[in-house]
Structures are given as C-alpha cells and as structure tokens.
Amino acid sequence: MKKVSYLAIWRETIVRFASEIGYVQLERGLGKDDIMVVLDTNIRQLKIEVILSDSSLNYDIKSAQSCIDFCLLLRSIESVK
C-alpha cells in the first residue's frame, strides 16, 4: 500500500476549498479578484503566501488543524472584502 503524504492531502484540501469559494487556478497559485494564494510544498511543510492588494500574509501548514484554520481564514478574508 502506497503511503499518502499529509502535505499532499492538506494542499488538495485547500485547493478544493478555495475553488468552492470562487478561486481559480493560475500560474502562480490560486486567485480571485485582488487576492492571490501561493502554495509552496517544502520537503517537510506546506507554506502559503496570501497576497492582498497592499500586503501579504505568510502561513505554514503543519497539521490538519492548521489546514482547517487556514480555510477558515480564507473564508473570513472573503467575508470582509
């Protein structure tokens, strides 16, 4: 049985969630309006950069809980704008 990487699962979860709230796949990551989400899978962790119109937010996904927290953060950003 092939071992599945947690990083791959977390990345796919974020990509699917973002797609459900209107983000589309772009060359550098996911985007919607003036927000860009760049996912960088490192050997040991998943790093995400959220680029807003005038600032950015870096986020490290290290557990299933941080993956869920990021999805909630992304939803919160959408509800504020």
N, C-alpha and C. Protein backbone atom coordinates (compact mmCIF):
# COMPACT_ATOMS: atom_id res chain seq x y z
N MET A 1 0.83 -1.18 0.00
CA MET A 1 0.00 0.00 0.00
C MET A 1 0.88 1.25 0.00
N LYS A 2 0.58 2.18 -0.87
CA LYS A 2 1.37 3.39 -1.01
C LYS A 2 1.03 4.39 0.10
N LYS A 3 2.07 4.95 0.71
CA LYS A 3 1.87 5.92 1.78
C LYS A 3 1.49 7.27 1.17
N VAL A 4 0.44 7.88 1.71
CA VAL A 4 -0.03 9.17 1.22
C VAL A 4 0.57 10.27 2.08
N SER A 5 1.07 11.29 1.44
CA SER A 5 1.67 12.42 2.14
C SER A 5 0.60 13.33 2.73
N TYR A 6 0.77 13.66 4.01
CA TYR A 6 -0.15 14.61 4.63
C TYR A 6 -0.10 15.95 3.92
N LEU A 7 1.09 16.36 3.47
CA LEU A 7 1.21 17.64 2.77
C LEU A 7 0.35 17.66 1.52
N ALA A 8 0.33 16.56 0.79
CA ALA A 8 -0.48 16.48 -0.42
C ALA A 8 -1.97 16.56 -0.09
N ILE A 9 -2.37 15.91 1.00
CA ILE A 9 -3.77 15.95 1.42
C ILE A 9 -4.16 17.36 1.82
N TRP A 10 -3.31 18.03 2.63
CA TRP A 10 -3.62 19.39 3.08
C TRP A 10 -3.66 20.35 1.89
N ARG A 11 -2.71 20.19 0.96
CA ARG A 11 -2.68 21.06 -0.22
C ARG A 11 -3.96 20.88 -1.04
N GLU A 12 -4.34 19.65 -1.28
CA GLU A 12 -5.55 19.36 -2.05
C GLU A 12 -6.80 19.89 -1.35
N THR A 13 -6.84 19.77 -0.03
CA THR A 13 -7.97 20.30 0.74
C THR A 13 -8.10 21.80 0.55
N ILE A 14 -6.98 22.51 0.63
CA ILE A 14 -7.00 23.97 0.47
C ILE A 14 -7.39 24.35 -0.95
N VAL A 15 -6.85 23.66 -1.94
CA VAL A 15 -7.17 23.96 -3.34
C VAL A 15 -8.66 23.73 -3.60
N ARG A 16 -9.21 22.63 -3.12
CA ARG A 16 -10.64 22.35 -3.33
C ARG A 16 -11.53 23.36 -2.60
N PHE A 17 -11.16 23.68 -1.35
CA PHE A 17 -11.94 24.64 -0.59
C PHE A 17 -11.92 26.00 -1.29
N ALA A 18 -10.75 26.44 -1.70
CA ALA A 18 -10.63 27.73 -2.39
C ALA A 18 -11.45 27.73 -3.68
N SER A 19 -11.45 26.62 -4.39
CA SER A 19 -12.24 26.52 -5.62
C SER A 19 -13.73 26.67 -5.33
N GLU A 20 -14.17 26.09 -4.21
CA GLU A 20 -15.58 26.18 -3.84
C GLU A 20 -16.02 27.60 -3.51
N ILE A 21 -15.10 28.44 -3.06
CA ILE A 21 -15.48 29.82 -2.75
C ILE A 21 -15.05 30.80 -3.85
N GLY A 22 -14.76 30.26 -5.04
CA GLY A 22 -14.59 31.11 -6.21
C GLY A 22 -13.18 31.36 -6.68
N TYR A 23 -12.18 30.76 -6.08
CA TYR A 23 -10.80 30.95 -6.53
C TYR A 23 -10.55 30.07 -7.75
N VAL A 24 -9.71 30.55 -8.65
CA VAL A 24 -9.37 29.80 -9.86
C VAL A 24 -7.87 29.52 -9.88
N GLN A 25 -7.50 28.45 -10.55
CA GLN A 25 -6.09 28.07 -10.66
C GLN A 25 -5.40 29.01 -11.63
N LEU A 26 -4.31 29.62 -11.18
CA LEU A 26 -3.49 30.48 -12.01
C LEU A 26 -2.08 29.90 -12.08
N GLU A 27 -1.21 30.54 -12.84
CA GLU A 27 0.15 30.04 -12.99
C GLU A 27 0.89 29.96 -11.66
N ARG A 28 0.75 30.98 -10.82
CA ARG A 28 1.49 31.03 -9.54
C ARG A 28 0.73 30.40 -8.38
N GLY A 29 -0.53 30.09 -8.54
CA GLY A 29 -1.32 29.55 -7.43
C GLY A 29 -2.80 29.71 -7.70
N LEU A 30 -3.52 30.18 -6.68
CA LEU A 30 -4.96 30.39 -6.79
C LEU A 30 -5.24 31.88 -6.71
N GLY A 31 -6.23 32.36 -7.44
CA GLY A 31 -6.52 33.78 -7.40
C GLY A 31 -8.00 34.08 -7.52
N LYS A 32 -8.35 35.22 -6.94
CA LYS A 32 -9.71 35.73 -7.04
C LYS A 32 -9.65 37.23 -6.79
N ASP A 33 -10.18 38.01 -7.71
CA ASP A 33 -10.15 39.46 -7.61
C ASP A 33 -8.72 39.92 -7.35
N ASP A 34 -8.46 40.58 -6.24
CA ASP A 34 -7.11 41.09 -5.96
C ASP A 34 -6.38 40.26 -4.91
N ILE A 35 -6.78 39.00 -4.75
CA ILE A 35 -6.14 38.11 -3.77
C ILE A 35 -5.48 36.94 -4.50
N MET A 36 -4.24 36.66 -4.13
CA MET A 36 -3.51 35.53 -4.71
C MET A 36 -3.07 34.62 -3.57
N VAL A 37 -3.26 33.32 -3.73
CA VAL A 37 -2.82 32.33 -2.74
C VAL A 37 -1.76 31.46 -3.41
N VAL A 38 -0.53 31.55 -2.91
CA VAL A 38 0.58 30.79 -3.47
C VAL A 38 0.92 29.66 -2.51
N LEU A 39 0.85 28.42 -2.99
CA LEU A 39 1.16 27.25 -2.17
C LEU A 39 2.53 26.71 -2.55
N ASP A 40 3.39 26.55 -1.57
CA ASP A 40 4.74 26.04 -1.79
C ASP A 40 4.94 24.82 -0.92
N THR A 41 5.03 23.66 -1.54
CA THR A 41 5.23 22.43 -0.77
C THR A 41 6.72 22.21 -0.59
N ASN A 42 7.16 22.36 0.63
CA ASN A 42 8.54 22.12 1.02
C ASN A 42 8.66 20.63 1.33
N ILE A 43 9.85 20.16 1.64
CA ILE A 43 10.03 18.75 1.97
C ILE A 43 9.25 18.38 3.23
N ARG A 44 9.22 19.26 4.21
CA ARG A 44 8.61 18.94 5.50
C ARG A 44 7.38 19.75 5.84
N GLN A 45 7.06 20.77 5.06
CA GLN A 45 5.90 21.58 5.40
C GLN A 45 5.30 22.25 4.17
N LEU A 46 4.09 22.71 4.33
CA LEU A 46 3.37 23.43 3.27
C LEU A 46 3.35 24.89 3.66
N LYS A 47 3.95 25.74 2.84
CA LYS A 47 3.98 27.17 3.10
C LYS A 47 3.01 27.86 2.15
N ILE A 48 2.26 28.80 2.70
CA ILE A 48 1.28 29.52 1.89
C ILE A 48 1.52 31.01 2.05
N GLU A 49 1.45 31.72 0.95
CA GLU A 49 1.52 33.18 1.00
C GLU A 49 0.22 33.71 0.42
N VAL A 50 -0.48 34.53 1.19
CA VAL A 50 -1.69 35.19 0.72
C VAL A 50 -1.28 36.61 0.36
N ILE A 51 -1.41 36.97 -0.90
CA ILE A 51 -1.01 38.28 -1.37
C ILE A 51 -2.27 39.12 -1.58
N LEU A 52 -2.39 40.16 -0.78
CA LEU A 52 -3.51 41.09 -0.88
C LEU A 52 -3.04 42.28 -1.71
N SER A 53 -3.91 43.23 -1.97
CA SER A 53 -3.55 44.34 -2.83
C SER A 53 -2.37 45.15 -2.31
N ASP A 54 -2.24 45.30 -0.99
CA ASP A 54 -1.15 46.13 -0.47
C ASP A 54 -0.29 45.45 0.60
N SER A 55 -0.52 44.20 0.87
CA SER A 55 0.29 43.49 1.86
C SER A 55 0.19 41.98 1.62
N SER A 56 0.94 41.23 2.40
CA SER A 56 0.87 39.77 2.25
C SER A 56 0.91 39.11 3.62
N LEU A 57 0.48 37.87 3.66
CA LEU A 57 0.41 37.07 4.88
C LEU A 57 1.04 35.72 4.59
N ASN A 58 2.01 35.33 5.39
CA ASN A 58 2.64 34.02 5.25
C ASN A 58 2.07 33.08 6.29
N TYR A 59 1.81 31.85 5.88
CA TYR A 59 1.15 30.88 6.75
C TYR A 59 1.79 29.52 6.52
N ASP A 60 2.16 28.84 7.59
CA ASP A 60 2.72 27.49 7.49
C ASP A 60 1.67 26.47 7.92
N ILE A 61 1.46 25.46 7.08
CA ILE A 61 0.53 24.39 7.41
C ILE A 61 1.36 23.23 7.96
N LYS A 62 1.17 22.93 9.24
CA LYS A 62 1.95 21.89 9.89
C LYS A 62 1.09 20.77 10.47
N SER A 63 -0.22 20.93 10.40
CA SER A 63 -1.12 19.92 10.95
C SER A 63 -2.48 20.03 10.27
N ALA A 64 -3.32 19.06 10.51
CA ALA A 64 -4.68 19.11 9.97
C ALA A 64 -5.42 20.32 10.52
N GLN A 65 -5.18 20.65 11.79
CA GLN A 65 -5.84 21.80 12.40
C GLN A 65 -5.41 23.11 11.75
N SER A 66 -4.12 23.26 11.43
CA SER A 66 -3.69 24.49 10.77
C SER A 66 -4.24 24.57 9.35
N CYS A 67 -4.48 23.44 8.71
CA CYS A 67 -5.11 23.41 7.39
C CYS A 67 -6.55 23.93 7.49
N ILE A 68 -7.28 23.43 8.49
CA ILE A 68 -8.66 23.89 8.72
C ILE A 68 -8.68 25.37 9.07
N ASP A 69 -7.75 25.79 9.93
CA ASP A 69 -7.67 27.20 10.32
C ASP A 69 -7.42 28.10 9.12
N PHE A 70 -6.55 27.65 8.19
CA PHE A 70 -6.29 28.46 7.01
C PHE A 70 -7.54 28.58 6.14
N CYS A 71 -8.28 27.50 5.97
CA CYS A 71 -9.52 27.56 5.19
C CYS A 71 -10.50 28.54 5.82
N LEU A 72 -10.60 28.53 7.15
CA LEU A 72 -11.47 29.49 7.84
C LEU A 72 -10.97 30.91 7.67
N LEU A 73 -9.66 31.10 7.69
CA LEU A 73 -9.07 32.42 7.46
C LEU A 73 -9.40 32.91 6.06
N LEU A 74 -9.28 32.04 5.08
CA LEU A 74 -9.59 32.41 3.70
C LEU A 74 -11.06 32.80 3.56
N ARG A 75 -11.94 32.06 4.21
CA ARG A 75 -13.36 32.40 4.19
C ARG A 75 -13.59 33.76 4.87
N SER A 76 -12.89 34.01 5.96
CA SER A 76 -13.03 35.30 6.67
C SER A 76 -12.57 36.46 5.80
N ILE A 77 -11.47 36.27 5.08
CA ILE A 77 -10.99 37.32 4.17
C ILE A 77 -12.06 37.62 3.13
N GLU A 78 -12.69 36.58 2.61
CA GLU A 78 -13.74 36.77 1.62
C GLU A 78 -14.94 37.51 2.19
N SER A 79 -15.30 37.23 3.43
CA SER A 79 -16.48 37.88 4.02
C SER A 79 -16.22 39.34 4.37
N VAL A 80 -14.95 39.71 4.58
CA VAL A 80 -14.61 41.09 4.93
C VAL A 80 -14.59 41.99 3.71
N LYS A 81 -14.14 41.48 2.58
CA LYS A 81 -13.96 42.37 1.42
C LYS A 81 -15.24 42.74 0.74
